[in-house]
Amino acid sequence: MGETTKATKSAAADSKFDGFTDDERAAMKEHAQELKKAARRGSGAKADTERDVLEKIAEMAEADRVIAERIHAIVKAGAPSLTAKLWYGQPAYAKDGKIVCFFQPAQKFKTRYATLGFNDPANLDDGAMWPTAFALTELTADHEARISALVKQAAS
């Protein structure tokens, strides 16, 4: 191996990998813990997973907590068939074990807005293009009605 190749490999080894942020790594660790906890509980622990979600919401900063509580109530009323559970440390709602929608608090990744997101199992298809995430800074009655309609459609 030539000196140039050795020097290049040494420099590459000394540089820090710039992949995941500390917040992203923390979310992945939370998800691993959630999976272990779910495996220990076994099936039929729907009440426990909802309690986990409510505890996580209670821990949020006030601005996120207010929105998360409303989202939770809207999902439970509009799509009672969805199961509340934690997903990467954030409230999420699943159908047949697959995450349909989730609430990502602004504080989670230090963003300026919270996010209501929908995953692939959500039945929101509208032609060849449709939104799968919405930024939330506050909830008005109009926003709540729109979210309710989206959640009902997503769970259908």
N, C-alpha and C. Protein backbone atom coordinates (compact mmCIF):
# COMPACT_ATOMS: atom_id res chain seq x y z
N MET A 1 0.85 -1.16 0.00
CA MET A 1 0.00 0.00 0.00
C MET A 1 0.90 1.22 0.00
N GLY A 2 0.59 2.19 -0.87
CA GLY A 2 1.41 3.39 -0.99
C GLY A 2 1.18 4.34 0.16
N GLU A 3 2.13 5.27 0.34
CA GLU A 3 2.02 6.26 1.43
C GLU A 3 0.76 7.12 1.31
N THR A 4 0.35 7.47 0.07
CA THR A 4 -0.82 8.30 -0.13
C THR A 4 -2.07 7.58 0.36
N THR A 5 -2.20 6.31 0.04
CA THR A 5 -3.35 5.53 0.46
C THR A 5 -3.41 5.42 1.98
N LYS A 6 -2.25 5.16 2.64
CA LYS A 6 -2.21 5.07 4.09
C LYS A 6 -2.64 6.39 4.72
N ALA A 7 -2.17 7.49 4.19
CA ALA A 7 -2.50 8.80 4.73
C ALA A 7 -3.99 9.10 4.59
N THR A 8 -4.56 8.72 3.43
CA THR A 8 -5.98 8.94 3.20
C THR A 8 -6.82 8.13 4.17
N LYS A 9 -6.47 6.85 4.37
CA LYS A 9 -7.22 6.00 5.28
C LYS A 9 -7.10 6.49 6.71
N SER A 10 -5.92 6.96 7.10
CA SER A 10 -5.72 7.47 8.45
C SER A 10 -6.55 8.72 8.68
N ALA A 11 -6.59 9.62 7.71
CA ALA A 11 -7.38 10.85 7.84
C ALA A 11 -8.87 10.52 7.93
N ALA A 12 -9.30 9.53 7.16
CA ALA A 12 -10.71 9.13 7.18
C ALA A 12 -11.08 8.53 8.54
N ALA A 13 -10.18 7.78 9.13
CA ALA A 13 -10.44 7.17 10.42
C ALA A 13 -10.51 8.21 11.53
N ASP A 14 -9.73 9.30 11.39
CA ASP A 14 -9.72 10.35 12.41
C ASP A 14 -10.92 11.27 12.31
N SER A 15 -11.54 11.37 11.14
CA SER A 15 -12.69 12.28 11.00
C SER A 15 -13.93 11.65 11.63
N LYS A 16 -14.80 12.51 12.18
CA LYS A 16 -16.01 12.03 12.86
C LYS A 16 -17.10 11.78 11.84
N PHE A 17 -17.80 10.65 11.97
CA PHE A 17 -18.92 10.32 11.11
C PHE A 17 -20.04 11.31 11.40
N ASP A 18 -20.58 11.93 10.37
CA ASP A 18 -21.62 12.95 10.53
C ASP A 18 -22.98 12.40 10.15
N GLY A 19 -23.31 11.19 10.53
CA GLY A 19 -24.57 10.57 10.16
C GLY A 19 -25.75 11.04 10.98
N PHE A 20 -26.03 10.39 12.09
CA PHE A 20 -27.19 10.70 12.91
C PHE A 20 -26.84 11.74 13.97
N THR A 21 -27.82 12.58 14.27
CA THR A 21 -27.63 13.56 15.35
C THR A 21 -27.82 12.85 16.69
N ASP A 22 -27.45 13.53 17.75
CA ASP A 22 -27.65 12.96 19.08
C ASP A 22 -29.13 12.71 19.35
N ASP A 23 -29.98 13.63 18.89
CA ASP A 23 -31.43 13.46 19.06
C ASP A 23 -31.94 12.24 18.30
N GLU A 24 -31.43 12.03 17.09
CA GLU A 24 -31.84 10.87 16.30
C GLU A 24 -31.37 9.57 16.96
N ARG A 25 -30.14 9.56 17.47
CA ARG A 25 -29.65 8.38 18.17
C ARG A 25 -30.51 8.09 19.40
N ALA A 26 -30.87 9.14 20.13
CA ALA A 26 -31.71 8.97 21.32
C ALA A 26 -33.07 8.39 20.94
N ALA A 27 -33.65 8.85 19.83
CA ALA A 27 -34.94 8.34 19.38
C ALA A 27 -34.82 6.85 19.01
N MET A 28 -33.72 6.47 18.38
CA MET A 28 -33.53 5.06 18.03
C MET A 28 -33.39 4.20 19.28
N LYS A 29 -32.70 4.72 20.29
CA LYS A 29 -32.58 3.98 21.55
C LYS A 29 -33.93 3.84 22.22
N GLU A 30 -34.73 4.91 22.19
CA GLU A 30 -36.08 4.84 22.76
C GLU A 30 -36.90 3.78 22.04
N HIS A 31 -36.79 3.73 20.72
CA HIS A 31 -37.54 2.75 19.95
C HIS A 31 -37.12 1.32 20.32
N ALA A 32 -35.83 1.10 20.49
CA ALA A 32 -35.36 -0.22 20.89
C ALA A 32 -35.93 -0.60 22.25
N GLN A 33 -35.99 0.36 23.18
CA GLN A 33 -36.57 0.08 24.50
C GLN A 33 -38.06 -0.21 24.39
N GLU A 34 -38.76 0.52 23.52
CA GLU A 34 -40.19 0.29 23.31
C GLU A 34 -40.44 -1.13 22.79
N LEU A 35 -39.60 -1.57 21.86
CA LEU A 35 -39.75 -2.91 21.30
C LEU A 35 -39.52 -3.98 22.37
N LYS A 36 -38.50 -3.78 23.21
CA LYS A 36 -38.22 -4.73 24.29
C LYS A 36 -39.38 -4.77 25.28
N LYS A 37 -39.90 -3.60 25.63
CA LYS A 37 -41.02 -3.52 26.57
C LYS A 37 -42.25 -4.22 26.00
N ALA A 38 -42.52 -4.01 24.71
CA ALA A 38 -43.67 -4.64 24.06
C ALA A 38 -43.51 -6.16 24.04
N ALA A 39 -42.30 -6.62 23.79
CA ALA A 39 -42.05 -8.06 23.75
C ALA A 39 -42.27 -8.69 25.13
N ARG A 40 -41.87 -7.97 26.19
CA ARG A 40 -42.07 -8.49 27.55
C ARG A 40 -43.55 -8.54 27.91
N ARG A 41 -44.32 -7.56 27.42
CA ARG A 41 -45.75 -7.48 27.72
C ARG A 41 -46.54 -8.57 27.00
N GLY A 42 -46.13 -8.89 25.80
CA GLY A 42 -46.87 -9.83 25.00
C GLY A 42 -48.06 -9.16 24.35
N SER A 43 -48.94 -9.94 23.78
CA SER A 43 -50.11 -9.38 23.10
C SER A 43 -51.19 -9.06 24.11
N GLY A 44 -52.12 -8.22 23.70
CA GLY A 44 -53.25 -7.89 24.54
C GLY A 44 -52.96 -6.83 25.59
N ALA A 45 -51.91 -6.03 25.42
CA ALA A 45 -51.55 -5.02 26.40
C ALA A 45 -51.91 -3.62 25.90
N LYS A 46 -53.06 -3.50 25.25
CA LYS A 46 -53.49 -2.23 24.65
C LYS A 46 -53.57 -1.12 25.70
N ALA A 47 -54.10 -1.42 26.87
CA ALA A 47 -54.23 -0.41 27.92
C ALA A 47 -52.86 0.09 28.38
N ASP A 48 -51.89 -0.81 28.46
CA ASP A 48 -50.54 -0.42 28.87
C ASP A 48 -49.90 0.50 27.84
N THR A 49 -50.09 0.22 26.56
CA THR A 49 -49.47 1.07 25.53
C THR A 49 -50.12 2.45 25.52
N GLU A 50 -51.41 2.51 25.78
CA GLU A 50 -52.06 3.81 25.85
C GLU A 50 -51.56 4.59 27.06
N ARG A 51 -51.38 3.91 28.17
CA ARG A 51 -50.85 4.57 29.36
C ARG A 51 -49.45 5.13 29.08
N ASP A 52 -48.63 4.37 28.36
CA ASP A 52 -47.30 4.85 27.98
C ASP A 52 -47.39 6.14 27.17
N VAL A 53 -48.33 6.18 26.23
CA VAL A 53 -48.52 7.38 25.39
C VAL A 53 -48.94 8.56 26.26
N LEU A 54 -49.89 8.35 27.15
CA LEU A 54 -50.36 9.43 28.01
C LEU A 54 -49.26 9.94 28.93
N GLU A 55 -48.42 9.03 29.42
CA GLU A 55 -47.29 9.43 30.26
C GLU A 55 -46.29 10.26 29.44
N LYS A 56 -46.03 9.85 28.21
CA LYS A 56 -45.10 10.59 27.35
C LYS A 56 -45.65 11.97 27.05
N ILE A 57 -46.95 12.07 26.78
CA ILE A 57 -47.57 13.37 26.52
C ILE A 57 -47.45 14.27 27.76
N ALA A 58 -47.66 13.71 28.93
CA ALA A 58 -47.58 14.48 30.17
C ALA A 58 -46.18 15.05 30.41
N GLU A 59 -45.15 14.39 29.88
CA GLU A 59 -43.77 14.84 30.04
C GLU A 59 -43.39 15.98 29.10
N MET A 60 -44.20 16.23 28.09
CA MET A 60 -43.86 17.23 27.06
C MET A 60 -43.92 18.65 27.60
N ALA A 61 -43.17 19.53 26.93
CA ALA A 61 -43.26 20.96 27.22
C ALA A 61 -44.70 21.41 26.94
N GLU A 62 -45.13 22.46 27.59
CA GLU A 62 -46.54 22.85 27.54
C GLU A 62 -47.09 23.00 26.13
N ALA A 63 -46.38 23.72 25.26
CA ALA A 63 -46.90 23.96 23.90
C ALA A 63 -47.13 22.64 23.17
N ASP A 64 -46.18 21.72 23.27
CA ASP A 64 -46.33 20.41 22.63
C ASP A 64 -47.41 19.59 23.32
N ARG A 65 -47.44 19.65 24.64
CA ARG A 65 -48.41 18.84 25.40
C ARG A 65 -49.85 19.21 25.05
N VAL A 66 -50.13 20.51 24.95
CA VAL A 66 -51.49 20.96 24.62
C VAL A 66 -51.93 20.38 23.27
N ILE A 67 -51.06 20.46 22.29
CA ILE A 67 -51.39 19.94 20.95
C ILE A 67 -51.51 18.42 21.00
N ALA A 68 -50.56 17.75 21.67
CA ALA A 68 -50.56 16.29 21.73
C ALA A 68 -51.82 15.76 22.41
N GLU A 69 -52.26 16.43 23.48
CA GLU A 69 -53.49 15.99 24.16
C GLU A 69 -54.69 16.09 23.23
N ARG A 70 -54.77 17.16 22.47
CA ARG A 70 -55.89 17.33 21.53
C ARG A 70 -55.80 16.29 20.41
N ILE A 71 -54.61 16.08 19.86
CA ILE A 71 -54.44 15.07 18.80
C ILE A 71 -54.88 13.71 19.33
N HIS A 72 -54.45 13.38 20.54
CA HIS A 72 -54.81 12.09 21.13
C HIS A 72 -56.33 11.95 21.23
N ALA A 73 -56.98 12.98 21.73
CA ALA A 73 -58.44 12.94 21.87
C ALA A 73 -59.13 12.83 20.51
N ILE A 74 -58.61 13.54 19.52
CA ILE A 74 -59.20 13.50 18.17
C ILE A 74 -59.06 12.11 17.57
N VAL A 75 -57.88 11.50 17.72
CA VAL A 75 -57.65 10.17 17.17
C VAL A 75 -58.55 9.15 17.88
N LYS A 76 -58.61 9.21 19.20
CA LYS A 76 -59.43 8.25 19.94
C LYS A 76 -60.90 8.37 19.58
N ALA A 77 -61.39 9.60 19.35
CA ALA A 77 -62.79 9.81 19.00
C ALA A 77 -63.06 9.45 17.54
N GLY A 78 -62.16 9.84 16.65
CA GLY A 78 -62.40 9.66 15.22
C GLY A 78 -62.02 8.31 14.66
N ALA A 79 -61.07 7.65 15.32
CA ALA A 79 -60.60 6.35 14.84
C ALA A 79 -60.32 5.44 16.05
N PRO A 80 -61.38 5.05 16.76
CA PRO A 80 -61.18 4.24 17.97
C PRO A 80 -60.55 2.87 17.68
N SER A 81 -60.53 2.45 16.44
CA SER A 81 -59.91 1.16 16.11
C SER A 81 -58.38 1.24 16.15
N LEU A 82 -57.82 2.45 16.13
CA LEU A 82 -56.36 2.59 16.18
C LEU A 82 -55.89 2.40 17.62
N THR A 83 -54.74 1.77 17.77
CA THR A 83 -54.15 1.52 19.07
C THR A 83 -53.06 2.55 19.34
N ALA A 84 -53.16 3.23 20.47
CA ALA A 84 -52.12 4.19 20.86
C ALA A 84 -50.89 3.42 21.33
N LYS A 85 -49.72 3.86 20.87
CA LYS A 85 -48.47 3.25 21.31
C LYS A 85 -47.34 4.23 21.07
N LEU A 86 -46.22 4.02 21.73
CA LEU A 86 -45.05 4.87 21.49
C LEU A 86 -44.29 4.35 20.28
N TRP A 87 -43.75 5.28 19.53
CA TRP A 87 -42.97 4.95 18.33
C TRP A 87 -41.83 5.95 18.27
N TYR A 88 -40.61 5.47 18.48
CA TYR A 88 -39.43 6.34 18.55
C TYR A 88 -39.63 7.43 19.60
N GLY A 89 -40.29 7.07 20.70
CA GLY A 89 -40.48 7.99 21.81
C GLY A 89 -41.54 9.05 21.59
N GLN A 90 -42.39 8.83 20.62
CA GLN A 90 -43.45 9.81 20.36
C GLN A 90 -44.79 9.09 20.24
N PRO A 91 -45.89 9.80 20.55
CA PRO A 91 -47.20 9.18 20.45
C PRO A 91 -47.52 8.78 19.01
N ALA A 92 -48.03 7.57 18.87
CA ALA A 92 -48.38 7.06 17.54
C ALA A 92 -49.63 6.20 17.67
N TYR A 93 -50.23 5.93 16.52
CA TYR A 93 -51.50 5.21 16.50
C TYR A 93 -51.42 4.17 15.38
N ALA A 94 -51.68 2.92 15.77
CA ALA A 94 -51.44 1.80 14.86
C ALA A 94 -52.72 1.04 14.53
N LYS A 95 -52.68 0.44 13.35
CA LYS A 95 -53.76 -0.46 12.90
C LYS A 95 -53.08 -1.77 12.52
N ASP A 96 -53.53 -2.84 13.12
CA ASP A 96 -52.93 -4.16 12.89
C ASP A 96 -51.43 -4.14 13.12
N GLY A 97 -50.99 -3.39 14.13
CA GLY A 97 -49.58 -3.34 14.49
C GLY A 97 -48.73 -2.39 13.66
N LYS A 98 -49.31 -1.77 12.65
CA LYS A 98 -48.55 -0.86 11.78
C LYS A 98 -48.94 0.58 12.08
N ILE A 99 -47.94 1.44 12.20
CA ILE A 99 -48.18 2.84 12.55
C ILE A 99 -48.88 3.54 11.39
N VAL A 100 -50.05 4.10 11.69
CA VAL A 100 -50.83 4.85 10.71
C VAL A 100 -50.48 6.34 10.80
N CYS A 101 -50.48 6.87 12.04
CA CYS A 101 -50.15 8.28 12.21
C CYS A 101 -49.39 8.47 13.51
N PHE A 102 -48.71 9.62 13.62
CA PHE A 102 -47.91 9.89 14.81
C PHE A 102 -47.84 11.39 15.04
N PHE A 103 -47.53 11.75 16.28
CA PHE A 103 -47.33 13.14 16.65
C PHE A 103 -45.88 13.30 17.07
N GLN A 104 -45.18 14.19 16.41
CA GLN A 104 -43.78 14.47 16.76
C GLN A 104 -43.72 15.85 17.39
N PRO A 105 -43.44 15.93 18.68
CA PRO A 105 -43.37 17.24 19.32
C PRO A 105 -42.22 18.07 18.79
N ALA A 106 -42.39 19.37 18.78
CA ALA A 106 -41.34 20.27 18.29
C ALA A 106 -40.05 20.08 19.10
N GLN A 107 -40.21 19.84 20.38
CA GLN A 107 -39.06 19.69 21.27
C GLN A 107 -38.22 18.46 20.93
N LYS A 108 -38.83 17.44 20.33
CA LYS A 108 -38.13 16.18 20.06
C LYS A 108 -36.85 16.38 19.26
N PHE A 109 -36.93 17.16 18.19
CA PHE A 109 -35.76 17.42 17.36
C PHE A 109 -35.44 18.91 17.28
N LYS A 110 -35.96 19.65 18.28
CA LYS A 110 -35.69 21.08 18.40
C LYS A 110 -36.08 21.85 17.14
N THR A 111 -37.29 21.58 16.67
CA THR A 111 -37.80 22.27 15.49
C THR A 111 -38.77 23.36 15.93
N ARG A 112 -39.17 24.21 15.00
CA ARG A 112 -40.04 25.33 15.36
C ARG A 112 -41.52 24.95 15.34
N TYR A 113 -41.84 23.74 14.93
CA TYR A 113 -43.23 23.29 14.91
C TYR A 113 -43.31 21.80 15.20
N ALA A 114 -44.43 21.39 15.75
CA ALA A 114 -44.72 19.97 15.94
C ALA A 114 -45.20 19.41 14.60
N THR A 115 -45.22 18.10 14.49
CA THR A 115 -45.61 17.46 13.24
C THR A 115 -46.65 16.38 13.49
N LEU A 116 -47.69 16.38 12.68
CA LEU A 116 -48.63 15.27 12.61
C LEU A 116 -48.29 14.55 11.32
N GLY A 117 -47.83 13.31 11.44
CA GLY A 117 -47.40 12.57 10.26
C GLY A 117 -48.21 11.31 10.04
N PHE A 118 -48.23 10.88 8.79
CA PHE A 118 -48.94 9.67 8.40
C PHE A 118 -47.98 8.75 7.68
N ASN A 119 -48.02 7.47 8.01
CA ASN A 119 -47.16 6.48 7.37
C ASN A 119 -47.90 5.75 6.26
N ASP A 120 -47.20 4.87 5.61
CA ASP A 120 -47.71 4.14 4.45
C ASP A 120 -49.06 3.46 4.65
N PRO A 121 -49.34 2.86 5.81
CA PRO A 121 -50.66 2.21 5.98
C PRO A 121 -51.84 3.20 6.00
N ALA A 122 -51.57 4.49 6.14
CA ALA A 122 -52.65 5.48 6.16
C ALA A 122 -53.31 5.53 4.79
N ASN A 123 -54.62 5.45 4.80
CA ASN A 123 -55.40 5.44 3.56
C ASN A 123 -55.71 6.87 3.12
N LEU A 124 -54.67 7.60 2.74
CA LEU A 124 -54.84 9.01 2.35
C LEU A 124 -54.61 9.25 0.86
N ASP A 125 -54.45 8.19 0.11
CA ASP A 125 -54.14 8.32 -1.32
C ASP A 125 -55.12 9.27 -2.01
N ASP A 126 -54.56 10.20 -2.78
CA ASP A 126 -55.35 11.17 -3.53
C ASP A 126 -54.64 11.40 -4.86
N GLY A 127 -54.92 10.53 -5.82
CA GLY A 127 -54.23 10.63 -7.11
C GLY A 127 -52.80 10.14 -6.97
N ALA A 128 -51.89 10.83 -7.63
CA ALA A 128 -50.49 10.42 -7.63
C ALA A 128 -49.65 11.16 -6.59
N MET A 129 -50.28 12.14 -5.86
CA MET A 129 -49.52 12.91 -4.88
C MET A 129 -50.44 13.40 -3.77
N TRP A 130 -49.99 13.24 -2.50
CA TRP A 130 -50.76 13.72 -1.36
C TRP A 130 -49.80 13.98 -0.20
N PRO A 131 -50.21 14.86 0.73
CA PRO A 131 -49.33 15.15 1.87
C PRO A 131 -49.34 14.01 2.89
N THR A 132 -48.20 13.82 3.54
CA THR A 132 -48.11 12.80 4.58
C THR A 132 -47.68 13.38 5.92
N ALA A 133 -47.43 14.68 5.98
CA ALA A 133 -47.05 15.32 7.24
C ALA A 133 -47.55 16.76 7.25
N PHE A 134 -47.90 17.21 8.45
CA PHE A 134 -48.44 18.56 8.62
C PHE A 134 -47.73 19.24 9.78
N ALA A 135 -47.28 20.46 9.58
CA ALA A 135 -46.68 21.25 10.64
C ALA A 135 -47.79 21.83 11.50
N LEU A 136 -47.59 21.79 12.81
CA LEU A 136 -48.60 22.32 13.75
C LEU A 136 -47.94 23.27 14.74
N THR A 137 -48.45 24.48 14.79
CA THR A 137 -47.99 25.43 15.81
C THR A 137 -49.08 25.72 16.82
N GLU A 138 -50.32 25.47 16.43
CA GLU A 138 -51.48 25.61 17.31
C GLU A 138 -52.63 24.86 16.68
N LEU A 139 -53.69 24.65 17.45
CA LEU A 139 -54.87 23.98 16.92
C LEU A 139 -56.09 24.87 17.12
N THR A 140 -56.76 25.16 16.03
CA THR A 140 -58.04 25.87 16.08
C THR A 140 -59.14 24.84 15.84
N ALA A 141 -60.37 25.25 15.95
CA ALA A 141 -61.50 24.35 15.69
C ALA A 141 -61.45 23.85 14.25
N ASP A 142 -61.08 24.72 13.31
CA ASP A 142 -60.96 24.31 11.90
C ASP A 142 -59.85 23.26 11.73
N HIS A 143 -58.71 23.48 12.40
CA HIS A 143 -57.61 22.51 12.31
C HIS A 143 -58.04 21.16 12.87
N GLU A 144 -58.73 21.21 14.01
CA GLU A 144 -59.18 19.97 14.64
C GLU A 144 -60.15 19.21 13.75
N ALA A 145 -61.04 19.92 13.08
CA ALA A 145 -61.99 19.27 12.16
C ALA A 145 -61.24 18.63 11.00
N ARG A 146 -60.23 19.32 10.47
CA ARG A 146 -59.45 18.78 9.35
C ARG A 146 -58.67 17.55 9.79
N ILE A 147 -58.06 17.63 10.98
CA ILE A 147 -57.30 16.48 11.50
C ILE A 147 -58.23 15.30 11.73
N SER A 148 -59.41 15.56 12.28
CA SER A 148 -60.38 14.49 12.51
C SER A 148 -60.73 13.79 11.20
N ALA A 149 -60.98 14.55 10.16
CA ALA A 149 -61.32 13.97 8.86
C ALA A 149 -60.15 13.17 8.30
N LEU A 150 -58.93 13.70 8.44
CA LEU A 150 -57.74 12.99 7.95
C LEU A 150 -57.53 11.66 8.69
N VAL A 151 -57.69 11.70 10.01
CA VAL A 151 -57.48 10.50 10.81
C VAL A 151 -58.53 9.44 10.47
N LYS A 152 -59.79 9.85 10.34
CA LYS A 152 -60.84 8.90 9.96
C LYS A 152 -60.53 8.26 8.61
N GLN A 153 -60.12 9.09 7.65
CA GLN A 153 -59.79 8.57 6.33
C GLN A 153 -58.57 7.65 6.40
N ALA A 154 -57.55 8.07 7.15
CA ALA A 154 -56.33 7.28 7.25
C ALA A 154 -56.58 5.91 7.85
N ALA A 155 -57.49 5.83 8.80
CA ALA A 155 -57.77 4.57 9.49
C ALA A 155 -58.76 3.68 8.74
N SER A 156 -59.41 4.24 7.72
CA SER A 156 -60.45 3.46 7.02
C SER A 156 -59.88 2.35 6.17
